Amino acid sequence: MNKPSEVLQGTLDLMILRTLELRPMHGVGVAERIRQVTNGVFVVKAGSLFPALHRLEGKGWLESQWGQTEEGRRAKLYTLTRAGKAQLAAEKRNFRRVFHAMNQVLEGE
């Protein structure tokens, strides 16, 4: 298993938006999905996750409502909004541009 890494600045929003593009989830579910998809490389702790979810909701990119988890516990479920989908598309474009530039630095002559 890979050693957990710090989430790069600016990528947490992208990972949250992408995760919620799949389906509405509660915060712990978002963190677990990110951990699973990255094979444990990124472990998002509550102290980072919940402020980010609230910030994204404040920007209108997420909506939340109270519901139940699969285990029957009460939890706030987050859903990506139309504005959130547009932001996700913009974040993906920007990340690809930055990734390409970093790759040029690392692999270029």
PDB file of N, CA and C in Angstrom:
ATOM      1  N   MET A   1       0.850  -1.186   0.000  1.00  0.00           N
ATOM      2  CA  MET A   1       0.000   0.000   0.000  1.00  0.00           C
ATOM      3  C   MET A   1       0.888   1.239   0.000  1.00  0.00           C
ATOM      4  N   ASN A   2       0.456   2.258  -0.699  1.00  0.00           N
ATOM      5  CA  ASN A   2       1.200   3.498  -0.770  1.00  0.00           C
ATOM      6  C   ASN A   2       1.098   4.260   0.541  1.00  0.00           C
ATOM      7  N   LYS A   3       2.146   5.001   0.838  1.00  0.00           N
ATOM      8  CA  LYS A   3       2.161   5.852   2.033  1.00  0.00           C
ATOM      9  C   LYS A   3       1.239   7.046   1.801  1.00  0.00           C
ATOM     10  N   PRO A   4       0.374   7.390   2.765  1.00  0.00           N
ATOM     11  CA  PRO A   4      -0.495   8.554   2.587  1.00  0.00           C
ATOM     12  C   PRO A   4       0.319   9.824   2.351  1.00  0.00           C
ATOM     13  N   SER A   5      -0.207  10.695   1.506  1.00  0.00           N
ATOM     14  CA  SER A   5       0.441  11.960   1.181  1.00  0.00           C
ATOM     15  C   SER A   5      -0.471  13.114   1.533  1.00  0.00           C
ATOM     16  N   GLU A   6       0.129  14.269   1.714  1.00  0.00           N
ATOM     17  CA  GLU A   6      -0.646  15.483   1.895  1.00  0.00           C
ATOM     18  C   GLU A   6      -1.338  15.807   0.581  1.00  0.00           C
ATOM     19  N   VAL A   7      -2.555  16.288   0.654  1.00  0.00           N
ATOM     20  CA  VAL A   7      -3.275  16.711  -0.539  1.00  0.00           C
ATOM     21  C   VAL A   7      -2.650  18.021  -1.002  1.00  0.00           C
ATOM     22  N   LEU A   8      -2.291  18.091  -2.283  1.00  0.00           N
ATOM     23  CA  LEU A   8      -1.707  19.309  -2.823  1.00  0.00           C
ATOM     24  C   LEU A   8      -2.709  20.443  -2.744  1.00  0.00           C
ATOM     25  N   GLN A   9      -2.205  21.627  -2.443  1.00  0.00           N
ATOM     26  CA  GLN A   9      -3.075  22.788  -2.331  1.00  0.00           C
ATOM     27  C   GLN A   9      -3.865  22.960  -3.623  1.00  0.00           C
ATOM     28  N   GLY A  10      -5.159  23.159  -3.506  1.00  0.00           N
ATOM     29  CA  GLY A  10      -6.007  23.361  -4.675  1.00  0.00           C
ATOM     30  C   GLY A  10      -6.600  22.091  -5.253  1.00  0.00           C
ATOM     31  N   THR A  11      -6.088  20.942  -4.852  1.00  0.00           N
ATOM     32  CA  THR A  11      -6.619  19.702  -5.429  1.00  0.00           C
ATOM     33  C   THR A  11      -7.764  19.104  -4.617  1.00  0.00           C
ATOM     34  N   LEU A  12      -7.898  19.494  -3.357  1.00  0.00           N
ATOM     35  CA  LEU A  12      -8.970  18.938  -2.533  1.00  0.00           C
ATOM     36  C   LEU A  12     -10.328  19.275  -3.133  1.00  0.00           C
ATOM     37  N   ASP A  13     -10.524  20.531  -3.547  1.00  0.00           N
ATOM     38  CA  ASP A  13     -11.801  20.922  -4.148  1.00  0.00           C
ATOM     39  C   ASP A  13     -12.086  20.063  -5.374  1.00  0.00           C
ATOM     40  N   LEU A  14     -11.090  19.881  -6.213  1.00  0.00           N
ATOM     41  CA  LEU A  14     -11.249  19.076  -7.422  1.00  0.00           C
ATOM     42  C   LEU A  14     -11.647  17.642  -7.078  1.00  0.00           C
ATOM     43  N   MET A  15     -10.984  17.059  -6.091  1.00  0.00           N
ATOM     44  CA  MET A  15     -11.306  15.680  -5.714  1.00  0.00           C
ATOM     45  C   MET A  15     -12.712  15.565  -5.128  1.00  0.00           C
ATOM     46  N   ILE A  16     -13.113  16.541  -4.327  1.00  0.00           N
ATOM     47  CA  ILE A  16     -14.460  16.525  -3.748  1.00  0.00           C
ATOM     48  C   ILE A  16     -15.510  16.661  -4.850  1.00  0.00           C
ATOM     49  N   LEU A  17     -15.327  17.643  -5.726  1.00  0.00           N
ATOM     50  CA  LEU A  17     -16.297  17.858  -6.805  1.00  0.00           C
ATOM     51  C   LEU A  17     -16.401  16.623  -7.687  1.00  0.00           C
ATOM     52  N   ARG A  18     -15.269  16.033  -8.039  1.00  0.00           N
ATOM     53  CA  ARG A  18     -15.278  14.839  -8.893  1.00  0.00           C
ATOM     54  C   ARG A  18     -15.974  13.672  -8.195  1.00  0.00           C
ATOM     55  N   THR A  19     -15.708  13.509  -6.921  1.00  0.00           N
ATOM     56  CA  THR A  19     -16.332  12.421  -6.165  1.00  0.00           C
ATOM     57  C   THR A  19     -17.843  12.588  -6.116  1.00  0.00           C
ATOM     58  N   LEU A  20     -18.306  13.815  -5.911  1.00  0.00           N
ATOM     59  CA  LEU A  20     -19.746  14.056  -5.821  1.00  0.00           C
ATOM     60  C   LEU A  20     -20.419  14.096  -7.185  1.00  0.00           C
ATOM     61  N   GLU A  21     -19.633  14.139  -8.256  1.00  0.00           N
ATOM     62  CA  GLU A  21     -20.203  14.046  -9.599  1.00  0.00           C
ATOM     63  C   GLU A  21     -20.847  12.672  -9.796  1.00  0.00           C
ATOM     64  N   LEU A  22     -20.325  11.681  -9.126  1.00  0.00           N
ATOM     65  CA  LEU A  22     -20.810  10.310  -9.265  1.00  0.00           C
ATOM     66  C   LEU A  22     -22.181  10.114  -8.640  1.00  0.00           C
ATOM     67  N   ARG A  23     -22.344  10.642  -7.406  1.00  0.00           N
ATOM     68  CA  ARG A  23     -23.614  10.514  -6.686  1.00  0.00           C
ATOM     69  C   ARG A  23     -23.534  11.319  -5.405  1.00  0.00           C
ATOM     70  N   PRO A  24     -24.682  11.676  -4.826  1.00  0.00           N
ATOM     71  CA  PRO A  24     -24.668  12.365  -3.534  1.00  0.00           C
ATOM     72  C   PRO A  24     -24.018  11.472  -2.473  1.00  0.00           C
ATOM     73  N   MET A  25     -23.270  12.086  -1.574  1.00  0.00           N
ATOM     74  CA  MET A  25     -22.595  11.341  -0.502  1.00  0.00           C
ATOM     75  C   MET A  25     -22.509  12.199   0.744  1.00  0.00           C
ATOM     76  N   HIS A  26     -22.318  11.529   1.869  1.00  0.00           N
ATOM     77  CA  HIS A  26     -22.020  12.238   3.111  1.00  0.00           C
ATOM     78  C   HIS A  26     -20.507  12.422   3.198  1.00  0.00           C
ATOM     79  N   GLY A  27     -20.072  13.290   4.076  1.00  0.00           N
ATOM     80  CA  GLY A  27     -18.665  13.653   4.155  1.00  0.00           C
ATOM     81  C   GLY A  27     -17.726  12.481   4.338  1.00  0.00           C
ATOM     82  N   VAL A  28     -18.051  11.586   5.259  1.00  0.00           N
ATOM     83  CA  VAL A  28     -17.183  10.433   5.499  1.00  0.00           C
ATOM     84  C   VAL A  28     -17.109   9.565   4.244  1.00  0.00           C
ATOM     85  N   GLY A  29     -18.222   9.468   3.516  1.00  0.00           N
ATOM     86  CA  GLY A  29     -18.230   8.713   2.266  1.00  0.00           C
ATOM     87  C   GLY A  29     -17.325   9.337   1.218  1.00  0.00           C
ATOM     88  N   VAL A  30     -17.300  10.666   1.170  1.00  0.00           N
ATOM     89  CA  VAL A  30     -16.416  11.371   0.233  1.00  0.00           C
ATOM     90  C   VAL A  30     -14.964  11.046   0.569  1.00  0.00           C
ATOM     91  N   ALA A  31     -14.603  11.158   1.842  1.00  0.00           N
ATOM     92  CA  ALA A  31     -13.226  10.875   2.264  1.00  0.00           C
ATOM     93  C   ALA A  31     -12.848   9.430   1.955  1.00  0.00           C
ATOM     94  N   GLU A  32     -13.758   8.510   2.220  1.00  0.00           N
ATOM     95  CA  GLU A  32     -13.487   7.095   1.969  1.00  0.00           C
ATOM     96  C   GLU A  32     -13.313   6.821   0.476  1.00  0.00           C
ATOM     97  N   ARG A  33     -14.144   7.433  -0.336  1.00  0.00           N
ATOM     98  CA  ARG A  33     -14.040   7.243  -1.792  1.00  0.00           C
ATOM     99  C   ARG A  33     -12.704   7.776  -2.317  1.00  0.00           C
ATOM    100  N   ILE A  34     -12.276   8.932  -1.835  1.00  0.00           N
ATOM    101  CA  ILE A  34     -10.985   9.484  -2.256  1.00  0.00           C
ATOM    102  C   ILE A  34      -9.858   8.543  -1.849  1.00  0.00           C
ATOM    103  N   ARG A  35      -9.926   8.016  -0.628  1.00  0.00           N
ATOM    104  CA  ARG A  35      -8.912   7.063  -0.163  1.00  0.00           C
ATOM    105  C   ARG A  35      -8.892   5.819  -1.041  1.00  0.00           C
ATOM    106  N   GLN A  36     -10.071   5.296  -1.371  1.00  0.00           N
ATOM    107  CA  GLN A  36     -10.154   4.086  -2.207  1.00  0.00           C
ATOM    108  C   GLN A  36      -9.603   4.325  -3.603  1.00  0.00           C
ATOM    109  N   VAL A  37     -10.053   5.393  -4.241  1.00  0.00           N
ATOM    110  CA  VAL A  37      -9.668   5.668  -5.629  1.00  0.00           C
ATOM    111  C   VAL A  37      -8.168   5.915  -5.747  1.00  0.00           C
ATOM    112  N   THR A  38      -7.576   6.531  -4.723  1.00  0.00           N
ATOM    113  CA  THR A  38      -6.139   6.827  -4.778  1.00  0.00           C
ATOM    114  C   THR A  38      -5.302   5.732  -4.125  1.00  0.00           C
ATOM    115  N   ASN A  39      -5.914   4.601  -3.837  1.00  0.00           N
ATOM    116  CA  ASN A  39      -5.214   3.485  -3.192  1.00  0.00           C
ATOM    117  C   ASN A  39      -4.499   3.916  -1.914  1.00  0.00           C
ATOM    118  N   GLY A  40      -5.146   4.794  -1.172  1.00  0.00           N
ATOM    119  CA  GLY A  40      -4.611   5.220   0.107  1.00  0.00           C
ATOM    120  C   GLY A  40      -3.541   6.293   0.035  1.00  0.00           C
ATOM    121  N   VAL A  41      -3.238   6.788  -1.152  1.00  0.00           N
ATOM    122  CA  VAL A  41      -2.232   7.851  -1.263  1.00  0.00           C
ATOM    123  C   VAL A  41      -2.752   9.132  -0.636  1.00  0.00           C
ATOM    124  N   PHE A  42      -4.030   9.462  -0.864  1.00  0.00           N
ATOM    125  CA  PHE A  42      -4.629  10.647  -0.262  1.00  0.00           C
ATOM    126  C   PHE A  42      -5.629  10.220   0.797  1.00  0.00           C
ATOM    127  N   VAL A  43      -5.366  10.627   2.018  1.00  0.00           N
ATOM    128  CA  VAL A  43      -6.271  10.394   3.139  1.00  0.00           C
ATOM    129  C   VAL A  43      -6.713  11.769   3.617  1.00  0.00           C
ATOM    130  N   VAL A  44      -7.982  12.092   3.379  1.00  0.00           N
ATOM    131  CA  VAL A  44      -8.511  13.408   3.725  1.00  0.00           C
ATOM    132  C   VAL A  44      -9.118  13.332   5.114  1.00  0.00           C
ATOM    133  N   LYS A  45      -8.572  14.110   6.011  1.00  0.00           N
ATOM    134  CA  LYS A  45      -9.042  14.118   7.396  1.00  0.00           C
ATOM    135  C   LYS A  45     -10.206  15.097   7.558  1.00  0.00           C
ATOM    136  N   ALA A  46     -11.017  14.845   8.563  1.00  0.00           N
ATOM    137  CA  ALA A  46     -12.216  15.654   8.815  1.00  0.00           C
ATOM    138  C   ALA A  46     -11.895  17.136   8.945  1.00  0.00           C
ATOM    139  N   GLY A  47     -10.752  17.457   9.543  1.00  0.00           N
ATOM    140  CA  GLY A  47     -10.368  18.849   9.741  1.00  0.00           C
ATOM    141  C   GLY A  47     -10.131  19.602   8.445  1.00  0.00           C
ATOM    142  N   SER A  48      -9.872  18.890   7.369  1.00  0.00           N
ATOM    143  CA  SER A  48      -9.731  19.493   6.039  1.00  0.00           C
ATOM    144  C   SER A  48     -11.014  19.346   5.236  1.00  0.00           C
ATOM    145  N   LEU A  49     -11.634  18.173   5.350  1.00  0.00           N
ATOM    146  CA  LEU A  49     -12.789  17.848   4.519  1.00  0.00           C
ATOM    147  C   LEU A  49     -14.004  18.720   4.813  1.00  0.00           C
ATOM    148  N   PHE A  50     -14.406  18.801   6.063  1.00  0.00           N
ATOM    149  CA  PHE A  50     -15.663  19.482   6.372  1.00  0.00           C
ATOM    150  C   PHE A  50     -15.603  20.990   6.131  1.00  0.00           C
ATOM    151  N   PRO A  51     -14.491  21.668   6.450  1.00  0.00           N
ATOM    152  CA  PRO A  51     -14.417  23.077   6.050  1.00  0.00           C
ATOM    153  C   PRO A  51     -14.486  23.247   4.524  1.00  0.00           C
ATOM    154  N   ALA A  52     -13.874  22.323   3.785  1.00  0.00           N
ATOM    155  CA  ALA A  52     -13.925  22.399   2.316  1.00  0.00           C
ATOM    156  C   ALA A  52     -15.350  22.188   1.815  1.00  0.00           C
ATOM    157  N   LEU A  53     -16.059  21.215   2.366  1.00  0.00           N
ATOM    158  CA  LEU A  53     -17.449  20.981   1.960  1.00  0.00           C
ATOM    159  C   LEU A  53     -18.298  22.222   2.235  1.00  0.00           C
ATOM    160  N   HIS A  54     -18.124  22.831   3.393  1.00  0.00           N
ATOM    161  CA  HIS A  54     -18.901  24.033   3.729  1.00  0.00           C
ATOM    162  C   HIS A  54     -18.540  25.195   2.815  1.00  0.00           C
ATOM    163  N   ARG A  55     -17.259  25.330   2.495  1.00  0.00           N
ATOM    164  CA  ARG A  55     -16.820  26.403   1.594  1.00  0.00           C
ATOM    165  C   ARG A  55     -17.404  26.208   0.201  1.00  0.00           C
ATOM    166  N   LEU A  56     -17.370  24.971  -0.310  1.00  0.00           N
ATOM    167  CA  LEU A  56     -17.916  24.680  -1.640  1.00  0.00           C
ATOM    168  C   LEU A  56     -19.428  24.888  -1.669  1.00  0.00           C
ATOM    169  N   GLU A  57     -20.081  24.560  -0.571  1.00  0.00           N
ATOM    170  CA  GLU A  57     -21.519  24.799  -0.473  1.00  0.00           C
ATOM    171  C   GLU A  57     -21.795  26.302  -0.464  1.00  0.00           C
ATOM    172  N   GLY A  58     -20.971  27.062   0.237  1.00  0.00           N
ATOM    173  CA  GLY A  58     -21.122  28.512   0.284  1.00  0.00           C
ATOM    174  C   GLY A  58     -20.941  29.167  -1.078  1.00  0.00           C
ATOM    175  N   LYS A  59     -20.133  28.549  -1.927  1.00  0.00           N
ATOM    176  CA  LYS A  59     -19.916  29.065  -3.284  1.00  0.00           C
ATOM    177  C   LYS A  59     -21.027  28.643  -4.245  1.00  0.00           C
ATOM    178  N   GLY A  60     -21.939  27.795  -3.763  1.00  0.00           N
ATOM    179  CA  GLY A  60     -23.039  27.341  -4.608  1.00  0.00           C
ATOM    180  C   GLY A  60     -22.700  26.147  -5.476  1.00  0.00           C
ATOM    181  N   TRP A  61     -21.576  25.513  -5.222  1.00  0.00           N
ATOM    182  CA  TRP A  61     -21.157  24.368  -6.023  1.00  0.00           C
ATOM    183  C   TRP A  61     -21.702  23.049  -5.482  1.00  0.00           C
ATOM    184  N   LEU A  62     -22.127  23.073  -4.217  1.00  0.00           N
ATOM    185  CA  LEU A  62     -22.738  21.906  -3.582  1.00  0.00           C
ATOM    186  C   LEU A  62     -24.024  22.330  -2.897  1.00  0.00           C
ATOM    187  N   GLU A  63     -24.931  21.383  -2.774  1.00  0.00           N
ATOM    188  CA  GLU A  63     -26.126  21.541  -1.937  1.00  0.00           C
ATOM    189  C   GLU A  63     -26.093  20.402  -0.929  1.00  0.00           C
ATOM    190  N   SER A  64     -26.712  20.622   0.207  1.00  0.00           N
ATOM    191  CA  SER A  64     -26.759  19.548   1.193  1.00  0.00           C
ATOM    192  C   SER A  64     -28.162  19.418   1.755  1.00  0.00           C
ATOM    193  N   GLN A  65     -28.439  18.217   2.192  1.00  0.00           N
ATOM    194  CA  GLN A  65     -29.682  17.953   2.920  1.00  0.00           C
ATOM    195  C   GLN A  65     -29.443  16.769   3.840  1.00  0.00           C
ATOM    196  N   TRP A  66     -30.209  16.740   4.911  1.00  0.00           N
ATOM    197  CA  TRP A  66     -30.062  15.649   5.863  1.00  0.00           C
ATOM    198  C   TRP A  66     -30.721  14.394   5.309  1.00  0.00           C
ATOM    199  N   GLY A  67     -30.040  13.284   5.503  1.00  0.00           N
ATOM    200  CA  GLY A  67     -30.555  11.993   5.069  1.00  0.00           C
ATOM    201  C   GLY A  67     -29.959  10.907   5.941  1.00  0.00           C
ATOM    202  N   GLN A  68     -29.982   9.680   5.418  1.00  0.00           N
ATOM    203  CA  GLN A  68     -29.449   8.550   6.172  1.00  0.00           C
ATOM    204  C   GLN A  68     -28.354   7.859   5.379  1.00  0.00           C
ATOM    205  N   THR A  69     -27.355   7.371   6.113  1.00  0.00           N
ATOM    206  CA  THR A  69     -26.301   6.580   5.502  1.00  0.00           C
ATOM    207  C   THR A  69     -26.838   5.181   5.217  1.00  0.00           C
ATOM    208  N   GLU A  70     -26.031   4.386   4.543  1.00  0.00           N
ATOM    209  CA  GLU A  70     -26.414   2.994   4.269  1.00  0.00           C
ATOM    210  C   GLU A  70     -26.634   2.218   5.570  1.00  0.00           C
ATOM    211  N   GLU A  71     -25.945   2.663   6.641  1.00  0.00           N
ATOM    212  CA  GLU A  71     -26.063   2.006   7.941  1.00  0.00           C
ATOM    213  C   GLU A  71     -27.236   2.538   8.759  1.00  0.00           C
ATOM    214  N   GLY A  72     -27.976   3.500   8.204  1.00  0.00           N
ATOM    215  CA  GLY A  72     -29.134   4.044   8.888  1.00  0.00           C
ATOM    216  C   GLY A  72     -28.847   5.209   9.816  1.00  0.00           C
ATOM    217  N   ARG A  73     -27.615   5.724   9.802  1.00  0.00           N
ATOM    218  CA  ARG A  73     -27.284   6.881  10.642  1.00  0.00           C
ATOM    219  C   ARG A  73     -27.660   8.169   9.915  1.00  0.00           C
ATOM    220  N   ARG A  74     -28.029   9.177  10.686  1.00  0.00           N
ATOM    221  CA  ARG A  74     -28.362  10.487  10.133  1.00  0.00           C
ATOM    222  C   ARG A  74     -27.083  11.184   9.693  1.00  0.00           C
ATOM    223  N   ALA A  75     -27.081  11.716   8.476  1.00  0.00           N
ATOM    224  CA  ALA A  75     -25.893  12.400   7.955  1.00  0.00           C
ATOM    225  C   ALA A  75     -26.316  13.436   6.927  1.00  0.00           C
ATOM    226  N   LYS A  76     -25.476  14.437   6.752  1.00  0.00           N
ATOM    227  CA  LYS A  76     -25.712  15.448   5.738  1.00  0.00           C
ATOM    228  C   LYS A  76     -25.192  14.901   4.411  1.00  0.00           C
ATOM    229  N   LEU A  77     -26.061  14.860   3.403  1.00  0.00           N
ATOM    230  CA  LEU A  77     -25.683  14.369   2.081  1.00  0.00           C
ATOM    231  C   LEU A  77     -25.417  15.562   1.164  1.00  0.00           C
ATOM    232  N   TYR A  78     -24.300  15.524   0.482  1.00  0.00           N
ATOM    233  CA  TYR A  78     -23.891  16.611  -0.411  1.00  0.00           C
ATOM    234  C   TYR A  78     -24.123  16.198  -1.854  1.00  0.00           C
ATOM    235  N   THR A  79     -24.632  17.152  -2.645  1.00  0.00           N
ATOM    236  CA  THR A  79     -24.932  16.945  -4.063  1.00  0.00           C
ATOM    237  C   THR A  79     -24.266  18.045  -4.865  1.00  0.00           C
ATOM    238  N   LEU A  80     -23.722  17.685  -6.013  1.00  0.00           N
ATOM    239  CA  LEU A  80     -23.117  18.655  -6.918  1.00  0.00           C
ATOM    240  C   LEU A  80     -24.222  19.435  -7.623  1.00  0.00           C
ATOM    241  N   THR A  81     -24.104  20.755  -7.653  1.00  0.00           N
ATOM    242  CA  THR A  81     -25.084  21.607  -8.338  1.00  0.00           C
ATOM    243  C   THR A  81     -24.661  21.798  -9.799  1.00  0.00           C
ATOM    244  N   ARG A  82     -25.506  22.454 -10.571  1.00  0.00           N
ATOM    245  CA  ARG A  82     -25.162  22.787 -11.959  1.00  0.00           C
ATOM    246  C   ARG A  82     -23.909  23.666 -11.990  1.00  0.00           C
ATOM    247  N   ALA A  83     -23.853  24.647 -11.075  1.00  0.00           N
ATOM    248  CA  ALA A  83     -22.661  25.503 -10.985  1.00  0.00           C
ATOM    249  C   ALA A  83     -21.441  24.680 -10.584  1.00  0.00           C
ATOM    250  N   GLY A  84     -21.644  23.689  -9.733  1.00  0.00           N
ATOM    251  CA  GLY A  84     -20.554  22.798  -9.318  1.00  0.00           C
ATOM    252  C   GLY A  84     -20.035  21.970 -10.483  1.00  0.00           C
ATOM    253  N   LYS A  85     -20.939  21.530 -11.346  1.00  0.00           N
ATOM    254  CA  LYS A  85     -20.521  20.766 -12.533  1.00  0.00           C
ATOM    255  C   LYS A  85     -19.695  21.636 -13.463  1.00  0.00           C
ATOM    256  N   ALA A  86     -20.098  22.893 -13.626  1.00  0.00           N
ATOM    257  CA  ALA A  86     -19.331  23.825 -14.460  1.00  0.00           C
ATOM    258  C   ALA A  86     -17.965  24.090 -13.830  1.00  0.00           C
ATOM    259  N   GLN A  87     -17.935  24.249 -12.513  1.00  0.00           N
ATOM    260  CA  GLN A  87     -16.662  24.478 -11.829  1.00  0.00           C
ATOM    261  C   GLN A  87     -15.763  23.259 -11.945  1.00  0.00           C
ATOM    262  N   LEU A  88     -16.336  22.071 -11.834  1.00  0.00           N
ATOM    263  CA  LEU A  88     -15.554  20.842 -11.980  1.00  0.00           C
ATOM    264  C   LEU A  88     -14.905  20.792 -13.356  1.00  0.00           C
ATOM    265  N   ALA A  89     -15.647  21.117 -14.399  1.00  0.00           N
ATOM    266  CA  ALA A  89     -15.085  21.121 -15.756  1.00  0.00           C
ATOM    267  C   ALA A  89     -13.926  22.113 -15.847  1.00  0.00           C
ATOM    268  N   ALA A  90     -14.085  23.291 -15.260  1.00  0.00           N
ATOM    269  CA  ALA A  90     -13.022  24.301 -15.278  1.00  0.00           C
ATOM    270  C   ALA A  90     -11.811  23.830 -14.476  1.00  0.00           C
ATOM    271  N   GLU A  91     -12.048  23.221 -13.322  1.00  0.00           N
ATOM    272  CA  GLU A  91     -10.957  22.716 -12.483  1.00  0.00           C
ATOM    273  C   GLU A  91     -10.188  21.609 -13.196  1.00  0.00           C
ATOM    274  N   LYS A  92     -10.903  20.731 -13.904  1.00  0.00           N
ATOM    275  CA  LYS A  92     -10.241  19.655 -14.660  1.00  0.00           C
ATOM    276  C   LYS A  92      -9.330  20.236 -15.737  1.00  0.00           C
ATOM    277  N   ARG A  93      -9.853  21.215 -16.478  1.00  0.00           N
ATOM    278  CA  ARG A  93      -9.039  21.853 -17.531  1.00  0.00           C
ATOM    279  C   ARG A  93      -7.783  22.473 -16.936  1.00  0.00           C
ATOM    280  N   ASN A  94      -7.948  23.208 -15.842  1.00  0.00           N
ATOM    281  CA  ASN A  94      -6.809  23.861 -15.214  1.00  0.00           C
ATOM    282  C   ASN A  94      -5.809  22.842 -14.682  1.00  0.00           C
ATOM    283  N   PHE A  95      -6.301  21.789 -14.056  1.00  0.00           N
ATOM    284  CA  PHE A  95      -5.395  20.778 -13.503  1.00  0.00           C
ATOM    285  C   PHE A  95      -4.594  20.109 -14.617  1.00  0.00           C
ATOM    286  N   ARG A  96      -5.256  19.796 -15.714  1.00  0.00           N
ATOM    287  CA  ARG A  96      -4.536  19.180 -16.840  1.00  0.00           C
ATOM    288  C   ARG A  96      -3.451  20.107 -17.378  1.00  0.00           C
ATOM    289  N   ARG A  97      -3.753  21.405 -17.447  1.00  0.00           N
ATOM    290  CA  ARG A  97      -2.776  22.393 -17.914  1.00  0.00           C
ATOM    291  C   ARG A  97      -1.580  22.445 -16.965  1.00  0.00           C
ATOM    292  N   VAL A  98      -1.845  22.509 -15.663  1.00  0.00           N
ATOM    293  CA  VAL A  98      -0.780  22.552 -14.668  1.00  0.00           C
ATOM    294  C   VAL A  98       0.015  21.247 -14.679  1.00  0.00           C
ATOM    295  N   PHE A  99      -0.681  20.121 -14.770  1.00  0.00           N
ATOM    296  CA  PHE A  99      -0.017  18.822 -14.807  1.00  0.00           C
ATOM    297  C   PHE A  99       0.918  18.736 -16.011  1.00  0.00           C
ATOM    298  N   HIS A 100       0.446  19.176 -17.163  1.00  0.00           N
ATOM    299  CA  HIS A 100       1.277  19.151 -18.371  1.00  0.00           C
ATOM    300  C   HIS A 100       2.516  20.031 -18.179  1.00  0.00           C
ATOM    301  N   ALA A 101       2.338  21.210 -17.630  1.00  0.00           N
ATOM    302  CA  ALA A 101       3.466  22.109 -17.394  1.00  0.00           C
ATOM    303  C   ALA A 101       4.466  21.497 -16.421  1.00  0.00           C
ATOM    304  N   MET A 102       3.982  20.906 -15.330  1.00  0.00           N
ATOM    305  CA  MET A 102       4.881  20.258 -14.355  1.00  0.00           C
ATOM    306  C   MET A 102       5.607  19.086 -14.989  1.00  0.00           C
ATOM    307  N   ASN A 103       4.905  18.343 -15.820  1.00  0.00           N
ATOM    308  CA  ASN A 103       5.522  17.217 -16.506  1.00  0.00           C
ATOM    309  C   ASN A 103       6.657  17.704 -17.417  1.00  0.00           C
ATOM    310  N   GLN A 104       6.435  18.838 -18.071  1.00  0.00           N
ATOM    311  CA  GLN A 104       7.485  19.416 -18.923  1.00  0.00           C
ATOM    312  C   GLN A 104       8.715  19.772 -18.093  1.00  0.00           C
ATOM    313  N   VAL A 105       8.489  20.324 -16.914  1.00  0.00           N
ATOM    314  CA  VAL A 105       9.603  20.678 -16.030  1.00  0.00           C
ATOM    315  C   VAL A 105      10.340  19.416 -15.585  1.00  0.00           C
ATOM    316  N   LEU A 106       9.590  18.402 -15.183  1.00  0.00           N
ATOM    317  CA  LEU A 106      10.208  17.179 -14.654  1.00  0.00           C
ATOM    318  C   LEU A 106      10.869  16.338 -15.735  1.00  0.00           C
ATOM    319  N   GLU A 107      10.289  16.269 -16.904  1.00  0.00           N
ATOM    320  CA  GLU A 107      10.775  15.380 -17.957  1.00  0.00           C
ATOM    321  C   GLU A 107      11.533  16.102 -19.063  1.00  0.00           C
ATOM    322  N   GLY A 108      11.371  17.428 -19.139  1.00  0.00           N
ATOM    323  CA  GLY A 108      11.994  18.203 -20.210  1.00  0.00           C
ATOM    324  C   GLY A 108      13.496  18.329 -20.041  1.00  0.00           C
ATOM    325  N   GLU A 109      14.104  18.857 -21.079  1.00  0.00           N
ATOM    326  CA  GLU A 109      15.566  19.022 -21.052  1.00  0.00           C
ATOM    327  C   GLU A 109      15.946  20.436 -20.677  1.00  0.00           C
TER     328      GLU A 109
END
